[in-house]
């Protein structure tokens, strides 16, 4: 908190943000894993695919992206003429970091006959080296459109890759990357929770480890988990993904119980994404007030990264 924001109440911050949004003709996009107060001031809340589509179609002059860096980069790739700001430029992604562009380029050189389908949780440089971008929402749909004779490289999430390989029956070459949040869950603690709450269903994101997915009652992307708890008749759920999603679940289903899946380490809130949580209401206000930090990239990189993103949107 800076001296500029320390005397502002939560309500005053909200009012200032809404005032700036009108003055700038801005749209605030927020991922489901953001803090609840940021979700509540956002114009649109979504998962990676939904946010990419929204960024593509917005008529706003300024896109304020409350998420992690690769998401704001995606918005800039799709909207070169718009100003794209992010509350904290350090809001990175452990999964994206697990796939450095130079090593990915070498991976591609070693397998020139393979089609590179890459999860959207990656840098603009890695997108530019890919053939098709996917999200957890559409990965299975996209891969089913690829001829079975075509070998596939799936990067960077090994857990999502294994899950999609299992559901599609495709033999894919998978990059060895992972999300620290989805690998933090404790199978033992979750099984104990299921015994304590026999009425609760375990719902999980496909980025979780396979040993945990074996116990899940439902596996789906962020948006599909949200839809599932609306449609399902159960009264309680153990939620194995970043717990920021629970805010929207509780808003849509106030009479149901949602329990955040526990992490292995009792000494930390390891199932909270530390990068997502770098964004705060104070930083959101300041980035709109100062139009900084902005996402910038060269036209060459943007155009190379745009092609596989456009391919994803067309195939979705």
Protein backbone atom coordinates (compact mmCIF):
# COMPACT_ATOMS: atom_id res chain seq x y z
CA UNK A 1 0.00 0.00 0.00
CA UNK A 2 1.39 3.42 -0.96
CA UNK A 3 0.86 6.80 0.69
CA UNK A 4 -1.43 7.53 -2.25
CA UNK A 5 -3.84 4.73 -1.29
CA UNK A 6 -3.31 4.16 2.44
CA UNK A 7 -6.05 6.61 3.47
CA UNK A 8 -8.64 5.25 1.04
CA UNK A 9 -11.32 2.92 2.36
CA UNK A 10 -12.38 -0.15 0.39
CA UNK A 11 -15.50 1.72 -0.77
CA UNK A 12 -13.46 4.75 -1.84
CA UNK A 13 -11.10 2.52 -3.80
CA UNK A 14 -14.05 0.89 -5.55
CA UNK A 15 -15.52 4.31 -6.37
CA UNK A 16 -12.22 5.61 -7.74
CA UNK A 17 -11.74 2.51 -9.87
CA UNK A 18 -15.23 2.80 -11.32
CA UNK A 19 -14.69 6.52 -11.97
CA UNK A 20 -11.41 5.84 -13.80
CA UNK A 21 -13.04 3.06 -15.79
CA UNK A 22 -15.59 5.51 -17.16
CA UNK A 23 -13.00 8.24 -17.85
CA UNK A 24 -10.66 5.86 -19.68
CA UNK A 25 -13.35 3.88 -21.50
CA UNK A 26 -11.72 0.87 -19.87
CA UNK A 27 -12.84 -2.70 -19.33
CA UNK A 28 -11.68 -4.67 -16.28
CA UNK A 29 -11.13 -8.35 -16.99
CA UNK A 30 -10.47 -10.67 -14.05
CA UNK A 31 -9.61 -14.32 -13.72
CA UNK A 32 -11.57 -16.49 -11.29
CA UNK A 33 -8.44 -16.87 -9.16
CA UNK A 34 -8.25 -13.16 -8.28
CA UNK A 35 -9.13 -11.90 -4.80
CA UNK A 36 -12.88 -11.62 -4.28
CA UNK A 37 -12.91 -7.79 -4.10
CA UNK A 38 -11.24 -7.58 -7.52
CA UNK A 39 -13.75 -10.03 -8.95
CA UNK A 40 -16.55 -7.83 -7.60
CA UNK A 41 -15.40 -4.70 -9.49
CA UNK A 42 -14.61 -6.52 -12.74
CA UNK A 43 -16.74 -6.13 -15.85
CA UNK A 44 -16.10 -9.72 -16.83
CA UNK A 45 -14.80 -12.73 -14.91
CA UNK A 46 -13.69 -15.84 -16.74
CA UNK A 47 -11.17 -18.59 -17.34
CA UNK A 48 -8.35 -18.30 -19.87
CA UNK A 49 -10.50 -19.12 -22.92
CA UNK A 50 -13.39 -16.85 -21.90
CA UNK A 51 -11.02 -13.97 -21.15
CA UNK A 52 -9.21 -14.37 -24.47
CA UNK A 53 -12.53 -14.24 -26.32
CA UNK A 54 -13.64 -11.20 -24.31
CA UNK A 55 -10.35 -9.41 -24.97
CA UNK A 56 -10.75 -10.13 -28.68
CA UNK A 57 -14.21 -8.54 -28.90
CA UNK A 58 -14.05 -5.63 -26.47
CA UNK A 59 -14.71 -2.10 -27.73
CA UNK A 60 -12.91 -0.49 -24.78
CA UNK A 61 -9.84 1.70 -25.34
CA UNK A 62 -8.05 0.33 -22.28
CA UNK A 63 -7.95 -3.29 -21.11
CA UNK A 64 -7.18 -3.65 -17.42
CA UNK A 65 -6.19 -7.29 -16.95
CA UNK A 66 -6.43 -8.66 -13.44
CA UNK A 67 -4.69 -11.96 -13.85
CA UNK A 68 -1.15 -13.12 -14.52
CA UNK A 69 1.33 -11.83 -17.07
CA UNK A 70 0.72 -14.33 -19.88
CA UNK A 71 -3.02 -13.50 -19.79
CA UNK A 72 -2.38 -9.78 -20.19
CA UNK A 73 0.11 -10.60 -22.97
CA UNK A 74 -2.62 -12.58 -24.75
CA UNK A 75 -4.93 -9.55 -24.57
CA UNK A 76 -2.21 -7.37 -26.13
CA UNK A 77 -1.52 -9.92 -28.87
CA UNK A 78 -5.20 -9.84 -29.79
CA UNK A 79 -5.50 -6.03 -29.41
CA UNK A 80 -2.32 -4.28 -30.58
CA UNK A 81 -4.07 -0.91 -30.89
CA UNK A 82 -5.36 -0.92 -27.30
CA UNK A 83 -3.61 -0.03 -24.08
CA UNK A 84 -3.28 -3.12 -21.88
CA UNK A 85 -2.29 -2.68 -18.24
CA UNK A 86 -1.83 -5.16 -15.40
CA UNK A 87 -1.85 -4.27 -11.69
CA UNK A 88 1.47 -6.04 -11.00
CA UNK A 89 3.97 -6.86 -13.75
CA UNK A 90 5.55 -9.46 -11.44
CA UNK A 91 2.37 -11.57 -11.50
CA UNK A 92 3.94 -14.43 -13.40
CA UNK A 93 3.11 -18.13 -13.69
CA UNK A 94 5.05 -21.15 -12.43
CA UNK A 95 3.78 -23.24 -15.35
CA UNK A 96 4.86 -20.64 -17.90
CA UNK A 97 8.25 -20.41 -16.18
CA UNK A 98 8.68 -24.19 -16.53
CA UNK A 99 8.84 -23.79 -20.33
CA UNK A 100 11.66 -21.38 -21.30
CA UNK A 101 11.49 -20.28 -24.97
CA UNK A 102 15.03 -21.41 -25.84
CA UNK A 103 14.48 -24.91 -24.49
CA UNK A 104 11.06 -25.12 -26.15
CA UNK A 105 12.60 -24.08 -29.47
CA UNK A 106 15.12 -26.91 -29.13
CA UNK A 107 12.30 -29.32 -28.22
CA UNK A 108 10.57 -28.38 -31.47
CA UNK A 109 13.78 -28.76 -33.50
CA UNK A 110 14.19 -32.28 -32.16
CA UNK A 111 10.67 -33.23 -33.34
CA UNK A 112 10.10 -31.38 -36.64
CA UNK A 113 7.27 -33.68 -37.75
CA UNK A 114 5.17 -33.00 -34.62
CA UNK A 115 2.36 -30.44 -34.35
CA UNK A 116 2.88 -28.24 -31.30
CA UNK A 117 -0.31 -27.77 -29.29
CA UNK A 118 0.51 -25.50 -26.38
CA UNK A 119 -1.51 -24.67 -23.30
CA UNK A 120 -2.21 -20.94 -23.07
CA UNK A 121 -0.26 -20.75 -19.77
CA UNK A 122 2.96 -19.83 -21.57
CA UNK A 123 4.90 -16.76 -22.65
CA UNK A 124 4.34 -14.88 -25.90
CA UNK A 125 7.69 -16.27 -27.12
CA UNK A 126 6.52 -19.87 -26.60
CA UNK A 127 3.17 -19.09 -28.24
CA UNK A 128 5.08 -17.77 -31.24
CA UNK A 129 6.88 -21.14 -31.51
CA UNK A 130 3.61 -23.11 -31.37
CA UNK A 131 1.11 -24.25 -34.00
CA UNK A 132 -2.09 -24.11 -31.95
CA UNK A 133 -2.81 -22.68 -28.50
CA UNK A 134 -5.34 -24.44 -26.26
CA UNK A 135 -6.92 -24.01 -22.84
CA UNK A 136 -8.17 -26.62 -20.39
CA UNK A 137 -11.67 -25.82 -21.68
CA UNK A 138 -10.98 -26.67 -25.32
CA UNK A 139 -7.86 -28.88 -25.40
CA UNK A 140 -9.81 -32.11 -25.90
CA UNK A 141 -12.01 -30.56 -28.59
CA UNK A 142 -9.01 -29.23 -30.51
CA UNK A 143 -7.01 -32.46 -30.33
CA UNK A 144 -9.97 -34.49 -31.58
CA UNK A 145 -9.86 -32.33 -34.73
CA UNK A 146 -6.25 -33.31 -35.47
CA UNK A 147 -5.81 -36.37 -37.76
CA UNK A 148 -4.68 -39.41 -35.77
CA UNK A 149 -1.72 -39.83 -38.11
CA UNK A 150 -0.35 -36.43 -37.01
CA UNK A 151 2.11 -36.69 -34.08
CA UNK A 152 1.53 -34.08 -31.37
CA UNK A 153 3.75 -32.21 -28.93
CA UNK A 154 1.71 -31.09 -25.91
CA UNK A 155 3.23 -28.43 -23.69
CA UNK A 156 3.85 -27.26 -21.03
CA UNK A 157 1.54 -28.93 -18.46
CA UNK A 158 2.31 -32.63 -18.06
CA UNK A 159 -0.75 -33.31 -15.90
CA UNK A 160 -3.20 -31.72 -18.33
CA UNK A 161 -1.38 -33.45 -21.18
CA UNK A 162 -1.72 -36.87 -19.54
CA UNK A 163 -5.38 -36.26 -18.80
CA UNK A 164 -6.13 -35.21 -22.40
CA UNK A 165 -4.11 -38.14 -23.76
CA UNK A 166 -6.21 -40.48 -21.64
CA UNK A 167 -9.56 -38.95 -22.65
CA UNK A 168 -8.72 -38.77 -26.37
CA UNK A 169 -6.64 -41.94 -26.65
CA UNK A 170 -3.86 -39.97 -28.38
CA UNK A 171 -0.21 -40.88 -27.87
CA UNK A 172 1.30 -37.43 -27.38
CA UNK A 173 4.83 -36.31 -26.57
CA UNK A 174 4.38 -34.22 -23.41
CA UNK A 175 6.58 -31.43 -22.01
CA UNK A 176 7.59 -31.94 -18.38
CA UNK A 177 6.05 -28.82 -16.79
CA UNK A 178 3.57 -28.27 -13.98
CA UNK A 179 1.62 -25.69 -11.97
CA UNK A 180 2.83 -25.37 -8.36
CA UNK A 181 -0.74 -24.81 -7.13
CA UNK A 182 -2.21 -27.94 -8.68
CA UNK A 183 0.71 -30.09 -7.54
CA UNK A 184 0.38 -28.87 -3.94
CA UNK A 185 -2.77 -30.81 -3.04
CA UNK A 186 -2.48 -33.68 -0.58
CA UNK A 187 -4.16 -36.93 -1.58
CA UNK A 188 -4.13 -38.16 2.02
CA UNK A 189 -5.75 -35.00 3.39
CA UNK A 190 -8.36 -34.94 0.64
CA UNK A 191 -9.32 -38.56 1.37
CA UNK A 192 -9.68 -37.67 5.06
CA UNK A 193 -11.91 -34.75 4.08
CA UNK A 194 -14.06 -37.07 2.00
CA UNK A 195 -14.50 -39.32 5.05
CA UNK A 196 -15.40 -36.31 7.21
CA UNK A 197 -17.81 -35.00 4.58
CA UNK A 198 -19.26 -38.08 2.83
CA UNK A 199 -21.89 -35.91 1.14
CA UNK A 200 -19.23 -33.76 -0.55
CA UNK A 201 -18.12 -34.44 -4.11
CA UNK A 202 -14.50 -33.91 -5.10
CA UNK A 203 -14.26 -31.67 -8.17
CA UNK A 204 -10.88 -31.04 -9.74
CA UNK A 205 -9.06 -29.15 -12.46
CA UNK A 206 -7.29 -31.44 -14.97
CA UNK A 207 -3.97 -29.77 -14.11
CA UNK A 208 -4.01 -31.77 -10.84
CA UNK A 209 -1.84 -34.85 -10.52
CA UNK A 210 -3.28 -38.12 -11.82
CA UNK A 211 -3.32 -39.73 -8.37
CA UNK A 212 -5.74 -37.04 -7.21
CA UNK A 213 -7.86 -37.12 -10.37
CA UNK A 214 -8.53 -40.81 -9.74
CA UNK A 215 -10.60 -39.81 -6.70
CA UNK A 216 -12.50 -36.97 -8.40
CA UNK A 217 -16.25 -37.10 -8.96
CA UNK A 218 -15.93 -34.50 -11.70
CA UNK A 219 -12.94 -33.14 -13.66
CA UNK A 220 -13.22 -29.94 -15.65
CA UNK A 221 -11.84 -26.55 -16.56
CA UNK A 222 -12.46 -23.56 -14.33
CA UNK A 223 -15.65 -22.54 -16.14
CA UNK A 224 -16.91 -26.12 -16.27
CA UNK A 225 -16.42 -26.57 -12.54
CA UNK A 226 -18.54 -23.47 -12.00
CA UNK A 227 -21.27 -24.79 -14.27
CA UNK A 228 -21.14 -28.23 -12.66
CA UNK A 229 -21.89 -26.95 -9.16
CA UNK A 230 -24.88 -25.05 -10.59
CA UNK A 231 -26.31 -28.08 -12.38
CA UNK A 232 -25.44 -30.79 -9.87
CA UNK A 233 -27.80 -31.66 -7.01
CA UNK A 234 -25.17 -32.28 -4.33
CA UNK A 235 -25.04 -29.98 -1.33
CA UNK A 236 -21.25 -29.88 -0.78
CA UNK A 237 -18.02 -29.96 -2.79
CA UNK A 238 -14.30 -30.30 -2.13
CA UNK A 239 -12.70 -28.00 -4.70
CA UNK A 240 -9.27 -29.00 -6.03
CA UNK A 241 -8.10 -25.93 -7.87
CA UNK A 242 -7.05 -22.41 -6.86
CA UNK A 243 -9.53 -21.39 -4.11
CA UNK A 244 -10.28 -18.00 -5.66
CA UNK A 245 -12.93 -19.81 -7.71
CA UNK A 246 -14.95 -20.50 -4.55
CA UNK A 247 -16.06 -16.85 -4.36
CA UNK A 248 -18.09 -17.22 -7.56
CA UNK A 249 -19.36 -20.64 -6.53
CA UNK A 250 -20.68 -19.23 -3.27
CA UNK A 251 -22.28 -16.27 -5.05
CA UNK A 252 -24.13 -18.48 -7.50
CA UNK A 253 -24.98 -21.25 -5.02
CA UNK A 254 -25.27 -19.67 -1.55
CA UNK A 255 -27.02 -22.70 -0.06
CA UNK A 256 -24.22 -25.10 -0.95
CA UNK A 257 -20.96 -25.76 0.94
CA UNK A 258 -17.57 -25.41 -0.75
CA UNK A 259 -14.38 -26.70 0.88
CA UNK A 260 -10.96 -25.77 -0.48
CA UNK A 261 -8.83 -28.87 -1.03
CA UNK A 262 -5.92 -28.84 1.45
CA UNK A 263 -2.27 -28.61 0.48
CA UNK A 264 0.44 -31.05 1.60
CA UNK A 265 2.33 -28.38 3.54
CA UNK A 266 0.54 -27.13 6.66
CA UNK A 267 2.94 -24.20 7.00
CA UNK A 268 1.72 -22.35 3.90
CA UNK A 269 -1.38 -21.64 1.83
CA UNK A 270 0.28 -23.46 -1.06
CA UNK A 271 -2.99 -23.98 -2.93
CA UNK A 272 -3.27 -20.19 -3.31
CA UNK A 273 -1.51 -18.97 -6.45
CA UNK A 274 1.12 -16.51 -5.16
CA UNK A 275 1.26 -14.81 -8.56
CA UNK A 276 -2.50 -14.22 -8.87
CA UNK A 277 -2.54 -12.82 -5.35
CA UNK A 278 0.06 -10.16 -6.19
CA UNK A 279 -2.76 -8.11 -7.70
CA UNK A 280 -4.60 -6.01 -5.13
CA UNK A 281 -7.28 -3.34 -5.17
CA UNK A 282 -4.63 -0.70 -4.45
CA UNK A 283 -2.50 -1.84 -7.39
CA UNK A 284 -5.57 -2.02 -9.60
CA UNK A 285 -6.41 1.60 -8.80
CA UNK A 286 -2.83 2.79 -9.37
CA UNK A 287 -2.38 0.97 -12.68
CA UNK A 288 -5.55 2.64 -13.97
CA UNK A 289 -4.60 6.04 -12.58
CA UNK A 290 -1.09 5.92 -14.07
CA UNK A 291 -1.83 3.64 -17.05
CA UNK A 292 1.16 1.64 -15.91
CA UNK A 293 2.58 -0.96 -16.03
CA UNK A 294 1.68 -1.54 -19.68
CA UNK A 295 2.14 -4.71 -21.72
CA UNK A 296 4.34 -4.08 -24.75
CA UNK A 297 5.96 -6.30 -27.38
CA UNK A 298 7.41 -6.06 -30.87
CA UNK A 299 5.13 -6.38 -33.88
CA UNK A 300 7.14 -9.36 -35.09
CA UNK A 301 6.64 -11.30 -31.86
CA UNK A 302 2.99 -10.31 -31.64
CA UNK A 303 2.17 -11.48 -35.16
CA UNK A 304 3.96 -14.80 -34.68
CA UNK A 305 2.12 -15.37 -31.39
CA UNK A 306 -1.18 -14.26 -32.91
CA UNK A 307 -1.34 -17.04 -35.52
CA UNK A 308 -1.69 -20.00 -33.08
CA UNK A 309 -4.10 -18.00 -30.91
CA UNK A 310 -6.30 -17.23 -33.91
CA UNK A 311 -6.14 -20.92 -34.83
CA UNK A 312 -7.44 -21.78 -31.36
CA UNK A 313 -10.30 -19.30 -31.58
CA UNK A 314 -11.28 -20.60 -35.03
CA UNK A 315 -11.25 -24.24 -33.93
CA UNK A 316 -13.12 -23.49 -30.71
